[in-house]
Amino acid sequence: MERSLSMELVRVTEAAAVAASHWMGRGLKNEADDAATTAMRTVFDTIPMQGVVVIGEGEMDEAPMLYIGEELGTGTGPFVDVAVDPLEGTNIVASGGWNALAVLAIADKGNLLNAPDMYMDKIAVGPECVGKVDINASVTDNLKAVAKAKNMKLNEITATVLNRERHADIIAEIRAAGARIKLINDGDVAGAINTAFEGTGVDILFGLGGAPEGVIAAVGLKCLGGEIQGKLIPMNDAERERCVKMGIDVDKVLYMDDLVKGDDAIFAATGVTDGELLRGVQFTGGYTKTHSLVMRSKSGTIRFVEGRHSMDKKPHLVMKD
């Protein structure tokens, strides 16, 4: 992949974030998602690559754009797999909450797992804890392993978990072990990525979330030197059969190299609402400000990008009253 592609991709997430941010707090999650998807798709047309969506908004008959199998880019440049989540945290934006992102990941063609749209059990950690955790081990044992790897006391470790009834046992075990918990209402891509940044105060992520989001998070953690492990959790026979047709063993633990192969991948995200890592979109009247993160695994480069956008020159991102 071309080195310049990293910065080109930031333009894609910036556009999606700005479009979605107009809907913050309005209680209209579908409208926010549609705005982000349309803006992201529009800017993808200008990116010098030959991309194919492997994780997107759904199958061709389910989504009008950014559907699985859709071709993206100008038709020149590298052949790449594309994973997108135009608005990670639709409910977050609808309620004006914390940590909504516009996010994407790319890798060389054939290197991203085409994850089925179902639950994935996940455990994610930052660089200090790579090789120290095991998704098949108990929550308590993994907390102890993280504490040892980071030279911290168990009661200083913070785990992040989606605030769902299905996680009641995980939450109870974390509390019984004496660790701290940061419950998140949505957005486990951000939750996973935050484990690899010291300033976020998050040490480990546990729990079930979307499998496609697990692949996107894996690209981010690959760029950061972190780790995610996953196990697909089919909820019915139809989901299990889909895995069989895709050649995926549902009983297998999915490690980093299963989720994203090779040594070259790019992750880009722009904050839609404020979070631990990225600030949300801000409107000033004269211009709009964005805060983004872009990373490349091959070089290990991590960039935070502050954008200042003249909406007069980007009418496609201006919300019509």
Protein backbone atom coordinates (compact mmCIF):
# COMPACT_ATOMS: atom_id res chain seq x y z
CA MET A 1 0.00 0.00 0.00
CA GLU A 2 1.14 3.54 -0.70
CA ARG A 3 2.36 5.53 2.29
CA SER A 4 0.15 8.47 1.30
CA LEU A 5 -2.97 6.33 1.55
CA SER A 6 -3.05 6.78 5.32
CA MET A 7 -3.74 10.50 5.10
CA GLU A 8 -6.17 10.03 2.23
CA LEU A 9 -8.27 7.72 4.40
CA VAL A 10 -8.57 10.33 7.14
CA ARG A 11 -10.61 12.40 4.70
CA VAL A 12 -13.10 9.54 4.54
CA THR A 13 -13.65 9.27 8.29
CA GLU A 14 -13.69 13.05 8.69
CA ALA A 15 -16.54 13.35 6.19
CA ALA A 16 -18.56 10.60 7.86
CA ALA A 17 -18.02 12.08 11.32
CA VAL A 18 -19.07 15.58 10.30
CA ALA A 19 -22.19 14.30 8.55
CA ALA A 20 -23.23 12.17 11.53
CA SER A 21 -22.50 14.86 14.09
CA HIS A 22 -25.36 17.02 12.84
CA TRP A 23 -27.71 14.44 14.35
CA MET A 24 -26.15 14.37 17.80
CA GLY A 25 -28.74 14.17 20.56
CA ARG A 26 -31.72 14.23 18.21
CA GLY A 27 -32.81 10.68 18.96
CA LEU A 28 -32.59 9.64 15.30
CA LYS A 29 -29.96 6.95 15.05
CA ASN A 30 -30.92 5.73 11.56
CA GLU A 31 -30.70 9.22 10.11
CA ALA A 32 -27.28 9.70 11.70
CA ASP A 33 -26.07 6.38 10.29
CA ASP A 34 -27.44 7.16 6.82
CA ALA A 35 -25.71 10.54 6.80
CA ALA A 36 -22.37 9.01 7.81
CA THR A 37 -22.67 6.21 5.27
CA THR A 38 -23.51 8.54 2.39
CA ALA A 39 -20.66 10.92 3.21
CA MET A 40 -18.15 8.08 3.61
CA ARG A 41 -19.19 6.49 0.32
CA THR A 42 -18.90 9.80 -1.53
CA VAL A 43 -15.32 10.47 -0.41
CA PHE A 44 -14.24 6.87 -1.07
CA ASP A 45 -14.77 7.63 -4.77
CA THR A 46 -11.76 9.97 -4.63
CA ILE A 47 -9.32 7.59 -2.91
CA PRO A 48 -6.55 6.13 -5.15
CA MET A 49 -7.11 2.45 -4.45
CA GLN A 50 -8.88 -0.62 -5.76
CA GLY A 51 -10.86 -1.65 -2.73
CA VAL A 52 -13.54 -4.22 -2.01
CA VAL A 53 -15.77 -4.03 1.06
CA VAL A 54 -15.39 -7.19 3.17
CA ILE A 55 -17.06 -5.70 6.26
CA GLY A 56 -19.69 -3.07 5.72
CA GLU A 57 -23.31 -2.09 6.13
CA GLY A 58 -24.67 -5.51 5.17
CA GLU A 59 -25.22 -7.72 2.14
CA MET A 60 -25.92 -6.21 -1.26
CA ASP A 61 -29.68 -6.66 -0.87
CA GLU A 62 -29.63 -5.13 2.63
CA ALA A 63 -27.68 -1.92 2.08
CA PRO A 64 -27.72 0.64 -0.75
CA MET A 65 -24.03 1.44 -0.33
CA LEU A 66 -20.91 0.20 1.46
CA TYR A 67 -22.36 -3.29 1.13
CA ILE A 68 -20.16 -6.39 1.24
CA GLY A 69 -18.54 -6.89 -2.13
CA GLU A 70 -18.90 -3.27 -3.27
CA GLU A 71 -15.89 -1.85 -5.10
CA LEU A 72 -14.43 1.39 -3.75
CA GLY A 73 -11.81 3.85 -4.91
CA THR A 74 -10.74 5.40 -8.17
CA GLY A 75 -9.80 2.07 -9.74
CA THR A 76 -6.09 2.83 -9.57
CA GLY A 77 -3.58 2.05 -6.84
CA PRO A 78 -3.29 -0.94 -4.50
CA PHE A 79 -5.79 -3.79 -4.26
CA VAL A 80 -7.14 -3.76 -0.71
CA ASP A 81 -9.78 -5.22 1.59
CA VAL A 82 -11.93 -2.56 3.24
CA ALA A 83 -13.77 -2.78 6.56
CA VAL A 84 -16.02 0.13 7.48
CA ASP A 85 -18.26 1.28 10.26
CA PRO A 86 -19.43 4.73 9.15
CA LEU A 87 -20.93 5.34 12.56
CA GLU A 88 -19.75 3.13 15.39
CA GLY A 89 -22.23 4.05 18.07
CA THR A 90 -25.51 5.04 16.42
CA ASN A 91 -27.27 5.02 19.79
CA ILE A 92 -24.45 7.13 21.23
CA VAL A 93 -25.03 9.86 18.67
CA ALA A 94 -28.79 9.67 19.07
CA SER A 95 -28.44 10.30 22.80
CA GLY A 96 -25.44 12.65 22.63
CA GLY A 97 -23.26 10.18 24.51
CA TRP A 98 -19.58 9.30 24.67
CA ASN A 99 -17.16 7.67 22.22
CA ALA A 100 -18.98 7.58 18.88
CA LEU A 101 -16.58 7.15 15.96
CA ALA A 102 -16.47 7.04 12.19
CA VAL A 103 -14.02 4.25 11.56
CA LEU A 104 -12.45 2.17 8.80
CA ALA A 105 -9.64 -0.32 8.31
CA ILE A 106 -7.88 -1.59 5.21
CA ALA A 107 -5.32 -4.29 4.46
CA ASP A 108 -3.86 -5.89 1.37
CA LYS A 109 -6.36 -7.93 -0.62
CA GLY A 110 -7.31 -11.18 1.08
CA ASN A 111 -5.92 -10.21 4.48
CA LEU A 112 -9.06 -9.24 6.42
CA LEU A 113 -11.43 -11.85 7.82
CA ASN A 114 -14.86 -11.53 6.25
CA ALA A 115 -16.52 -11.85 9.64
CA PRO A 116 -20.20 -12.79 9.66
CA ASP A 117 -22.63 -10.38 11.29
CA MET A 118 -23.03 -12.10 14.64
CA TYR A 119 -21.69 -11.94 18.17
CA MET A 120 -18.04 -12.44 18.96
CA ASP A 121 -16.71 -13.02 22.45
CA LYS A 122 -13.66 -10.76 22.80
CA ILE A 123 -10.73 -10.01 25.01
CA ALA A 124 -8.43 -7.10 24.11
CA VAL A 125 -5.28 -5.68 25.68
CA GLY A 126 -2.47 -3.28 24.94
CA PRO A 127 1.17 -4.02 24.06
CA GLU A 128 2.39 -4.80 27.58
CA CYS A 129 -0.04 -7.70 27.86
CA VAL A 130 0.40 -9.39 24.49
CA GLY A 131 0.71 -13.13 24.98
CA LYS A 132 -0.35 -12.84 28.63
CA VAL A 133 -4.13 -13.25 28.29
CA ASP A 134 -6.26 -16.16 27.12
CA ILE A 135 -9.90 -15.91 26.13
CA ASN A 136 -10.43 -19.46 27.42
CA ALA A 137 -9.13 -18.56 30.87
CA SER A 138 -11.30 -17.08 33.59
CA VAL A 139 -11.94 -13.36 33.90
CA THR A 140 -10.09 -13.38 37.23
CA ASP A 141 -7.02 -15.12 35.80
CA ASN A 142 -6.86 -12.64 32.92
CA LEU A 143 -7.14 -9.69 35.30
CA LYS A 144 -4.29 -11.09 37.37
CA ALA A 145 -2.19 -11.60 34.23
CA VAL A 146 -2.75 -8.00 33.16
CA ALA A 147 -1.90 -6.69 36.61
CA LYS A 148 1.34 -8.68 36.63
CA ALA A 149 2.31 -7.63 33.11
CA LYS A 150 1.71 -3.95 33.88
CA ASN A 151 3.26 -4.10 37.35
CA MET A 152 0.01 -2.88 38.89
CA LYS A 153 -2.17 -3.98 41.77
CA LEU A 154 -5.31 -5.88 40.87
CA ASN A 155 -7.45 -3.13 42.36
CA GLU A 156 -5.77 -0.64 40.03
CA ILE A 157 -6.75 -2.50 36.84
CA THR A 158 -9.70 -1.12 34.87
CA ALA A 159 -11.75 -3.40 32.65
CA THR A 160 -14.20 -2.07 30.10
CA VAL A 161 -17.37 -3.99 29.29
CA LEU A 162 -20.47 -3.26 27.24
CA ASN A 163 -23.31 -2.52 29.64
CA ARG A 164 -25.54 -5.44 28.68
CA GLU A 165 -27.54 -7.99 30.67
CA ARG A 166 -25.59 -10.76 28.94
CA HIS A 167 -22.46 -9.55 30.71
CA ALA A 168 -23.84 -9.79 34.24
CA ASP A 169 -21.58 -12.72 35.14
CA ILE A 170 -18.47 -11.02 33.73
CA ILE A 171 -19.23 -7.83 35.62
CA ALA A 172 -19.85 -9.76 38.84
CA GLU A 173 -16.53 -11.61 38.50
CA ILE A 174 -14.58 -8.42 37.82
CA ARG A 175 -16.07 -6.87 40.94
CA ALA A 176 -15.40 -9.99 43.01
CA ALA A 177 -11.77 -9.93 41.87
CA GLY A 178 -11.46 -6.35 43.12
CA ALA A 179 -10.76 -4.68 39.78
CA ARG A 180 -12.38 -1.51 38.53
CA ILE A 181 -14.96 -1.38 35.72
CA LYS A 182 -15.78 1.17 33.05
CA LEU A 183 -19.16 0.23 31.58
CA ILE A 184 -19.82 1.46 28.05
CA ASN A 185 -23.25 1.63 26.47
CA ASP A 186 -22.01 1.10 22.89
CA GLY A 187 -18.83 1.31 20.85
CA ASP A 188 -16.56 -1.62 21.61
CA VAL A 189 -14.13 -0.70 18.81
CA ALA A 190 -13.25 2.36 20.87
CA GLY A 191 -13.24 0.20 23.99
CA ALA A 192 -10.75 -2.23 22.48
CA ILE A 193 -8.47 0.46 21.03
CA ASN A 194 -8.45 2.34 24.32
CA THR A 195 -6.66 -0.58 26.01
CA ALA A 196 -3.53 0.29 24.04
CA PHE A 197 -3.40 3.98 24.98
CA GLU A 198 -2.14 4.79 28.45
CA GLY A 199 -4.10 8.03 28.80
CA THR A 200 -7.51 6.38 28.46
CA GLY A 201 -7.27 4.57 31.77
CA VAL A 202 -8.48 1.26 30.30
CA ASP A 203 -6.43 -1.92 30.67
CA ILE A 204 -8.55 -4.75 29.24
CA LEU A 205 -11.80 -5.30 27.37
CA PHE A 206 -14.12 -8.26 27.96
CA GLY A 207 -17.39 -9.45 26.48
CA LEU A 208 -19.62 -10.09 23.49
CA GLY A 209 -19.88 -7.55 20.70
CA GLY A 210 -20.22 -7.56 16.94
CA ALA A 211 -17.83 -9.80 15.02
CA PRO A 212 -17.27 -7.24 12.24
CA GLU A 213 -16.28 -4.67 14.85
CA GLY A 214 -13.84 -7.23 16.21
CA VAL A 215 -11.98 -7.29 12.89
CA ILE A 216 -11.83 -3.50 12.73
CA ALA A 217 -10.53 -3.36 16.30
CA ALA A 218 -7.94 -6.02 15.42
CA VAL A 219 -6.49 -3.77 12.72
CA GLY A 220 -6.24 -0.90 15.18
CA LEU A 221 -4.57 -3.08 17.79
CA LYS A 222 -2.21 -4.55 15.19
CA CYS A 223 -1.04 -1.00 14.43
CA LEU A 224 -0.58 -0.38 18.17
CA GLY A 225 1.15 -3.65 18.98
CA GLY A 226 -1.77 -4.83 21.09
CA GLU A 227 -3.84 -7.99 20.95
CA ILE A 228 -7.42 -9.14 20.56
CA GLN A 229 -8.73 -12.68 20.69
CA GLY A 230 -12.22 -13.68 19.62
CA LYS A 231 -14.65 -16.57 19.47
CA LEU A 232 -17.72 -16.46 17.23
CA ILE A 233 -20.96 -17.04 19.13
CA PRO A 234 -23.77 -18.16 16.80
CA MET A 235 -27.14 -17.52 18.41
CA ASN A 236 -29.10 -19.97 16.25
CA ASP A 237 -28.74 -22.70 13.63
CA ALA A 238 -28.89 -20.19 10.76
CA GLU A 239 -25.88 -18.29 12.08
CA ARG A 240 -23.97 -21.50 12.68
CA GLU A 241 -24.76 -22.68 9.14
CA ARG A 242 -23.54 -19.39 7.75
CA CYS A 243 -20.19 -19.89 9.43
CA VAL A 244 -19.96 -23.38 7.93
CA LYS A 245 -20.64 -22.00 4.43
CA MET A 246 -17.96 -19.35 4.94
CA GLY A 247 -15.46 -21.99 6.05
CA ILE A 248 -15.16 -20.58 9.57
CA ASP A 249 -14.77 -22.95 12.50
CA VAL A 250 -16.99 -21.52 15.25
CA ASP A 251 -15.15 -23.51 17.90
CA LYS A 252 -11.78 -22.01 17.02
CA VAL A 253 -10.21 -19.10 18.86
CA LEU A 254 -9.52 -16.30 16.39
CA TYR A 255 -6.16 -14.68 17.01
CA MET A 256 -4.66 -11.56 15.46
CA ASP A 257 -3.36 -13.35 12.37
CA ASP A 258 -6.79 -14.90 11.82
CA LEU A 259 -8.51 -11.51 11.95
CA VAL A 260 -5.93 -9.52 9.97
CA LYS A 261 -3.07 -11.19 8.12
CA GLY A 262 0.18 -9.72 6.85
CA ASP A 263 2.27 -6.88 8.18
CA ASP A 264 0.55 -3.95 6.46
CA ALA A 265 -2.79 -2.52 7.53
CA ILE A 266 -4.20 0.94 8.11
CA PHE A 267 -6.73 2.06 10.71
CA ALA A 268 -8.43 5.46 10.66
CA ALA A 269 -11.04 6.95 12.98
CA THR A 270 -12.57 10.36 13.56
CA GLY A 271 -14.44 11.31 16.72
CA VAL A 272 -18.13 12.07 16.26
CA THR A 273 -18.74 12.72 19.94
CA ASP A 274 -16.15 13.29 22.65
CA GLY A 275 -14.33 10.26 24.04
CA GLU A 276 -11.27 9.27 26.05
CA LEU A 277 -9.11 9.22 22.93
CA LEU A 278 -10.67 11.58 20.39
CA ARG A 279 -12.66 14.78 20.63
CA GLY A 280 -15.95 14.98 18.82
CA VAL A 281 -16.87 17.26 15.92
CA GLN A 282 -17.12 20.91 16.94
CA PHE A 283 -19.00 23.61 15.05
CA THR A 284 -17.81 27.19 15.44
CA GLY A 285 -19.97 29.02 12.93
CA GLY A 286 -17.16 29.81 10.51
CA TYR A 287 -15.65 26.35 10.29
CA THR A 288 -15.87 22.83 11.68
CA LYS A 289 -13.17 21.05 13.71
CA THR A 290 -12.43 17.33 13.67
CA HIS A 291 -10.05 15.14 15.64
CA SER A 292 -8.82 11.92 14.04
CA LEU A 293 -6.44 9.03 14.55
CA VAL A 294 -4.66 7.23 11.72
CA MET A 295 -2.19 4.36 12.15
CA ARG A 296 -0.25 1.99 9.92
CA SER A 297 1.01 -1.35 11.19
CA LYS A 298 3.93 -1.66 8.77
CA SER A 299 5.62 1.51 9.96
CA GLY A 300 4.18 1.64 13.47
CA THR A 301 3.31 5.29 12.89
CA ILE A 302 0.47 6.76 14.96
CA ARG A 303 -0.84 10.18 13.99
CA PHE A 304 -3.45 12.37 15.64
CA VAL A 305 -4.87 14.77 13.06
CA GLU A 306 -6.75 17.97 13.83
CA GLY A 307 -8.83 19.17 10.92
CA ARG A 308 -10.34 22.60 10.36
CA HIS A 309 -12.93 22.51 7.59
CA SER A 310 -14.57 25.35 5.70
CA MET A 311 -18.14 24.20 5.19
CA ASP A 312 -18.58 26.79 2.43
CA LYS A 313 -16.18 24.69 0.37
CA LYS A 314 -17.69 21.35 1.41
CA PRO A 315 -21.42 21.83 0.75
CA HIS A 316 -21.97 18.05 0.65
CA LEU A 317 -21.30 17.96 4.39
CA VAL A 318 -23.65 20.82 5.32
CA MET A 319 -26.93 19.67 6.80
CA LYS A 320 -29.94 21.18 5.09
CA ASP A 321 -32.47 22.77 7.47
